[in-house]
C-alpha cells in the first residue's frame, strides 16, 4: 500500500534477467554482417558504416548504459542558411519519433546536418530487441536522407548532397 504524498518506490538495481544481453560493438558488427552492410571501426572507437551521402556511427557511452547511432549527412550549408534549415529539420522532428535531427556548426562556420537516436540499455536488452533497434536506425537514417532532398529544395536550400 502506498501512502498519499509518499515518495514513489525506488526502482530495484538493474540486474540482467535470462535472455538479456549487454550489447557491444562486436554484436553490432554481427548484425551488420547479417544485413550485408559493411562497417569499420574508426580511431575514436565507433563502429561506422558509409553510404553514398552519409556516414552512420554506432557508439556506447563510457559506462555502456546508452547505445547511440549518429549520422552525419554530406550536405554543407552556411550560417546564413540556418534559419531555413532549422525550419526543415523542425518539420521532421515534429512529425517523426525515434530519430532526431539537428544542425552542427564546424569551427570554420560550415553547418552540417546530424541525426541521432539513443536507447538506454543499462539493464540489458534482448538480442532480438537490439537487432531490431539497430536495423530500424539504419532504415531511419536512409529514410531521412530520402525525405530531406525535396524539403531542402522547397526551402530554397541546396537539395543535392556534395
C-alpha atoms as a PDB file:
ATOM      1  CA  UNK A   1       0.000   0.000   0.000  1.00  0.00           C
ATOM      2  CA  UNK A   2       1.315   3.445  -0.953  1.00  0.00           C
ATOM      3  CA  UNK A   3       0.877   6.364   1.393  1.00  0.00           C
ATOM      4  CA  UNK A   4      -0.529   9.527  -0.171  1.00  0.00           C
ATOM      5  CA  UNK A   5       2.240  12.086  -0.568  1.00  0.00           C
ATOM      6  CA  UNK A   6       4.972   9.497  -0.069  1.00  0.00           C
ATOM      7  CA  UNK A   7       7.850   9.227  -2.495  1.00  0.00           C
ATOM      8  CA  UNK A   8       7.349   6.656  -5.226  1.00  0.00           C
ATOM      9  CA  UNK A   9       9.159   3.394  -4.641  1.00  0.00           C
ATOM     10  CA  UNK A  10      12.760   3.346  -5.828  1.00  0.00           C
ATOM     11  CA  UNK A  11      13.495   1.024  -8.708  1.00  0.00           C
ATOM     12  CA  UNK A  12      15.494  -2.039  -7.823  1.00  0.00           C
ATOM     13  CA  UNK A  13      19.030  -2.158  -9.170  1.00  0.00           C
ATOM     14  CA  UNK A  14      19.078  -3.258 -12.775  1.00  0.00           C
ATOM     15  CA  UNK A  15      20.124  -6.882 -12.934  1.00  0.00           C
ATOM     16  CA  UNK A  16      20.033  -8.713 -16.222  1.00  0.00           C
ATOM     17  CA  UNK A  17      17.469 -11.478 -16.467  1.00  0.00           C
ATOM     18  CA  UNK A  18      17.700 -14.599 -18.580  1.00  0.00           C
ATOM     19  CA  UNK A  19      17.660 -13.871 -22.316  1.00  0.00           C
ATOM     20  CA  UNK A  20      19.041 -10.389 -21.687  1.00  0.00           C
ATOM     21  CA  UNK A  21      22.388  -9.328 -23.138  1.00  0.00           C
ATOM     22  CA  UNK A  22      24.828  -6.466 -22.613  1.00  0.00           C
ATOM     23  CA  UNK A  23      25.434  -5.391 -26.245  1.00  0.00           C
ATOM     24  CA  UNK A  24      28.787  -4.266 -27.562  1.00  0.00           C
ATOM     25  CA  UNK A  25      30.368  -3.253 -30.878  1.00  0.00           C
ATOM     26  CA  UNK A  26      31.095  -6.882 -31.783  1.00  0.00           C
ATOM     27  CA  UNK A  27      27.374  -7.656 -31.607  1.00  0.00           C
ATOM     28  CA  UNK A  28      26.595  -4.670 -33.850  1.00  0.00           C
ATOM     29  CA  UNK A  29      29.187  -5.914 -36.356  1.00  0.00           C
ATOM     30  CA  UNK A  30      27.460  -9.312 -36.462  1.00  0.00           C
ATOM     31  CA  UNK A  31      24.074  -7.659 -37.028  1.00  0.00           C
ATOM     32  CA  UNK A  32      25.506  -5.544 -39.851  1.00  0.00           C
ATOM     33  CA  UNK A  33      27.134  -8.622 -41.410  1.00  0.00           C
ATOM     34  CA  UNK A  34      23.761 -10.413 -41.405  1.00  0.00           C
ATOM     35  CA  UNK A  35      22.257  -7.351 -43.110  1.00  0.00           C
ATOM     36  CA  UNK A  36      25.176  -7.341 -45.585  1.00  0.00           C
ATOM     37  CA  UNK A  37      26.224  -3.862 -44.505  1.00  0.00           C
ATOM     38  CA  UNK A  38      29.974  -3.255 -44.416  1.00  0.00           C
ATOM     39  CA  UNK A  39      31.456  -1.447 -41.429  1.00  0.00           C
ATOM     40  CA  UNK A  40      34.741  -0.266 -39.973  1.00  0.00           C
ATOM     41  CA  UNK A  41      35.913   0.803 -36.548  1.00  0.00           C
ATOM     42  CA  UNK A  42      37.228   4.335 -36.560  1.00  0.00           C
ATOM     43  CA  UNK A  43      40.025   5.810 -34.454  1.00  0.00           C
ATOM     44  CA  UNK A  44      37.500   7.066 -31.881  1.00  0.00           C
ATOM     45  CA  UNK A  45      36.237   3.557 -31.137  1.00  0.00           C
ATOM     46  CA  UNK A  46      32.993   3.915 -33.049  1.00  0.00           C
ATOM     47  CA  UNK A  47      31.619   1.412 -35.495  1.00  0.00           C
ATOM     48  CA  UNK A  48      30.925   3.232 -38.759  1.00  0.00           C
ATOM     49  CA  UNK A  49      29.019   2.471 -41.938  1.00  0.00           C
ATOM     50  CA  UNK A  50      29.461   4.579 -45.040  1.00  0.00           C
ATOM     51  CA  UNK A  51      26.686   5.205 -47.526  1.00  0.00           C
ATOM     52  CA  UNK A  52      26.763   7.279 -50.694  1.00  0.00           C
ATOM     53  CA  UNK A  53      25.613  10.502 -48.998  1.00  0.00           C
ATOM     54  CA  UNK A  54      26.137   9.941 -45.269  1.00  0.00           C
ATOM     55  CA  UNK A  55      28.081   8.112 -42.573  1.00  0.00           C
ATOM     56  CA  UNK A  56      26.423   6.347 -39.637  1.00  0.00           C
ATOM     57  CA  UNK A  57      28.298   5.808 -36.361  1.00  0.00           C
ATOM     58  CA  UNK A  58      27.270   3.402 -33.581  1.00  0.00           C
ATOM     59  CA  UNK A  59      28.569   4.068 -30.064  1.00  0.00           C
ATOM     60  CA  UNK A  60      28.113   3.234 -26.403  1.00  0.00           C
ATOM     61  CA  UNK A  61      28.703   5.773 -23.678  1.00  0.00           C
ATOM     62  CA  UNK A  62      31.617   5.194 -21.302  1.00  0.00           C
ATOM     63  CA  UNK A  63      29.555   3.091 -18.922  1.00  0.00           C
ATOM     64  CA  UNK A  64      27.774   1.102 -21.635  1.00  0.00           C
ATOM     65  CA  UNK A  65      24.454   2.457 -20.380  1.00  0.00           C
ATOM     66  CA  UNK A  66      23.411   4.274 -23.563  1.00  0.00           C
ATOM     67  CA  UNK A  67      23.526   2.923 -27.105  1.00  0.00           C
ATOM     68  CA  UNK A  68      23.504   5.597 -29.819  1.00  0.00           C
ATOM     69  CA  UNK A  69      23.508   5.924 -33.583  1.00  0.00           C
ATOM     70  CA  UNK A  70      24.648   9.246 -35.022  1.00  0.00           C
ATOM     71  CA  UNK A  71      24.501  10.034 -38.731  1.00  0.00           C
ATOM     72  CA  UNK A  72      26.403  12.833 -40.426  1.00  0.00           C
ATOM     73  CA  UNK A  73      24.990  13.797 -43.812  1.00  0.00           C
ATOM     74  CA  UNK A  74      27.171  15.015 -46.706  1.00  0.00           C
ATOM     75  CA  UNK A  75      25.365  18.327 -47.070  1.00  0.00           C
ATOM     76  CA  UNK A  76      27.066  21.583 -46.239  1.00  0.00           C
ATOM     77  CA  UNK A  77      25.473  24.955 -45.510  1.00  0.00           C
ATOM     78  CA  UNK A  78      26.401  28.404 -44.313  1.00  0.00           C
ATOM     79  CA  UNK A  79      25.395  30.049 -41.056  1.00  0.00           C
ATOM     80  CA  UNK A  80      23.032  32.232 -43.120  1.00  0.00           C
ATOM     81  CA  UNK A  81      21.173  29.045 -44.166  1.00  0.00           C
ATOM     82  CA  UNK A  82      20.494  28.017 -40.561  1.00  0.00           C
ATOM     83  CA  UNK A  83      17.024  29.586 -40.103  1.00  0.00           C
ATOM     84  CA  UNK A  84      15.606  27.910 -43.234  1.00  0.00           C
ATOM     85  CA  UNK A  85      17.452  24.692 -42.431  1.00  0.00           C
ATOM     86  CA  UNK A  86      16.105  24.594 -38.896  1.00  0.00           C
ATOM     87  CA  UNK A  87      12.559  25.043 -40.201  1.00  0.00           C
ATOM     88  CA  UNK A  88      13.012  21.973 -42.415  1.00  0.00           C
ATOM     89  CA  UNK A  89      14.511  19.914 -39.595  1.00  0.00           C
ATOM     90  CA  UNK A  90      11.777  21.026 -37.193  1.00  0.00           C
ATOM     91  CA  UNK A  91       9.224  19.532 -39.580  1.00  0.00           C
ATOM     92  CA  UNK A  92      10.947  16.139 -39.379  1.00  0.00           C
ATOM     93  CA  UNK A  93      11.304  16.331 -35.583  1.00  0.00           C
ATOM     94  CA  UNK A  94       7.660  17.305 -35.175  1.00  0.00           C
ATOM     95  CA  UNK A  95       6.300  14.574 -37.460  1.00  0.00           C
ATOM     96  CA  UNK A  96       8.503  11.581 -36.532  1.00  0.00           C
ATOM     97  CA  UNK A  97       9.760   9.778 -33.457  1.00  0.00           C
ATOM     98  CA  UNK A  98      12.968   7.954 -32.706  1.00  0.00           C
ATOM     99  CA  UNK A  99      15.387   9.794 -34.967  1.00  0.00           C
ATOM    100  CA  UNK A 100      16.000  13.426 -34.107  1.00  0.00           C
ATOM    101  CA  UNK A 101      17.878  15.766 -36.409  1.00  0.00           C
ATOM    102  CA  UNK A 102      19.753  18.969 -35.742  1.00  0.00           C
ATOM    103  CA  UNK A 103      22.444  21.242 -37.119  1.00  0.00           C
ATOM    104  CA  UNK A 104      26.054  21.413 -36.003  1.00  0.00           C
ATOM    105  CA  UNK A 105      28.489  24.162 -36.905  1.00  0.00           C
ATOM    106  CA  UNK A 106      32.133  23.316 -37.591  1.00  0.00           C
ATOM    107  CA  UNK A 107      34.945  25.600 -36.459  1.00  0.00           C
ATOM    108  CA  UNK A 108      35.166  27.024 -39.996  1.00  0.00           C
ATOM    109  CA  UNK A 109      31.487  28.058 -39.916  1.00  0.00           C
ATOM    110  CA  UNK A 110      30.228  25.228 -42.113  1.00  0.00           C
ATOM    111  CA  UNK A 111      26.820  23.971 -40.982  1.00  0.00           C
ATOM    112  CA  UNK A 112      26.081  20.253 -41.242  1.00  0.00           C
ATOM    113  CA  UNK A 113      23.072  18.052 -40.526  1.00  0.00           C
ATOM    114  CA  UNK A 114      23.268  15.327 -37.899  1.00  0.00           C
ATOM    115  CA  UNK A 115      20.678  12.757 -36.860  1.00  0.00           C
ATOM    116  CA  UNK A 116      20.729  10.818 -33.641  1.00  0.00           C
ATOM    117  CA  UNK A 117      18.862   8.000 -31.946  1.00  0.00           C
ATOM    118  CA  UNK A 118      19.577   6.657 -28.467  1.00  0.00           C
ATOM    119  CA  UNK A 119      18.419   3.807 -26.279  1.00  0.00           C
ATOM    120  CA  UNK A 120      19.058   3.239 -22.571  1.00  0.00           C
ATOM    121  CA  UNK A 121      20.434  -0.289 -22.153  1.00  0.00           C
ATOM    122  CA  UNK A 122      21.613  -0.176 -18.548  1.00  0.00           C
ATOM    123  CA  UNK A 123      19.837  -3.363 -17.515  1.00  0.00           C
ATOM    124  CA  UNK A 124      20.481  -5.051 -20.835  1.00  0.00           C
ATOM    125  CA  UNK A 125      18.164  -5.852 -23.717  1.00  0.00           C
ATOM    126  CA  UNK A 126      17.170  -8.968 -25.567  1.00  0.00           C
ATOM    127  CA  UNK A 127      19.175  -9.937 -28.597  1.00  0.00           C
ATOM    128  CA  UNK A 128      16.065  -9.558 -30.764  1.00  0.00           C
ATOM    129  CA  UNK A 129      15.306  -6.079 -29.416  1.00  0.00           C
ATOM    130  CA  UNK A 130      18.873  -4.952 -30.018  1.00  0.00           C
ATOM    131  CA  UNK A 131      18.948  -6.287 -33.593  1.00  0.00           C
ATOM    132  CA  UNK A 132      15.553  -4.751 -34.380  1.00  0.00           C
ATOM    133  CA  UNK A 133      16.618  -1.364 -32.979  1.00  0.00           C
ATOM    134  CA  UNK A 134      19.872  -1.375 -34.943  1.00  0.00           C
ATOM    135  CA  UNK A 135      18.017  -2.277 -38.148  1.00  0.00           C
ATOM    136  CA  UNK A 136      15.385   0.389 -37.509  1.00  0.00           C
ATOM    137  CA  UNK A 137      18.079   3.038 -37.017  1.00  0.00           C
ATOM    138  CA  UNK A 138      19.761   2.064 -40.287  1.00  0.00           C
ATOM    139  CA  UNK A 139      16.426   2.381 -42.086  1.00  0.00           C
ATOM    140  CA  UNK A 140      15.578   5.681 -40.376  1.00  0.00           C
ATOM    141  CA  UNK A 141      18.888   7.271 -41.459  1.00  0.00           C
ATOM    142  CA  UNK A 142      18.166   6.290 -45.073  1.00  0.00           C
ATOM    143  CA  UNK A 143      14.545   7.417 -44.866  1.00  0.00           C
ATOM    144  CA  UNK A 144      15.592  10.806 -43.551  1.00  0.00           C
ATOM    145  CA  UNK A 145      18.118  11.173 -46.367  1.00  0.00           C
ATOM    146  CA  UNK A 146      15.393  10.478 -48.970  1.00  0.00           C
ATOM    147  CA  UNK A 147      12.948  12.818 -47.224  1.00  0.00           C
ATOM    148  CA  UNK A 148      15.487  15.638 -46.885  1.00  0.00           C
ATOM    149  CA  UNK A 149      16.376  16.430 -50.518  1.00  0.00           C
ATOM    150  CA  UNK A 150      12.922  17.560 -51.677  1.00  0.00           C
ATOM    151  CA  UNK A 151      12.319  19.503 -48.432  1.00  0.00           C
ATOM    152  CA  UNK A 152      15.576  21.420 -48.840  1.00  0.00           C
ATOM    153  CA  UNK A 153      14.687  22.315 -52.426  1.00  0.00           C
ATOM    154  CA  UNK A 154      11.270  23.598 -51.318  1.00  0.00           C
ATOM    155  CA  UNK A 155      13.006  25.769 -48.706  1.00  0.00           C
ATOM    156  CA  UNK A 156      15.342  27.233 -51.332  1.00  0.00           C
ATOM    157  CA  UNK A 157      18.377  25.409 -49.939  1.00  0.00           C
ATOM    158  CA  UNK A 158      20.785  23.212 -51.892  1.00  0.00           C
ATOM    159  CA  UNK A 159      18.963  19.880 -52.187  1.00  0.00           C
ATOM    160  CA  UNK A 160      21.746  17.696 -53.532  1.00  0.00           C
ATOM    161  CA  UNK A 161      24.443  16.226 -51.315  1.00  0.00           C
ATOM    162  CA  UNK A 162      28.043  17.158 -52.031  1.00  0.00           C
END
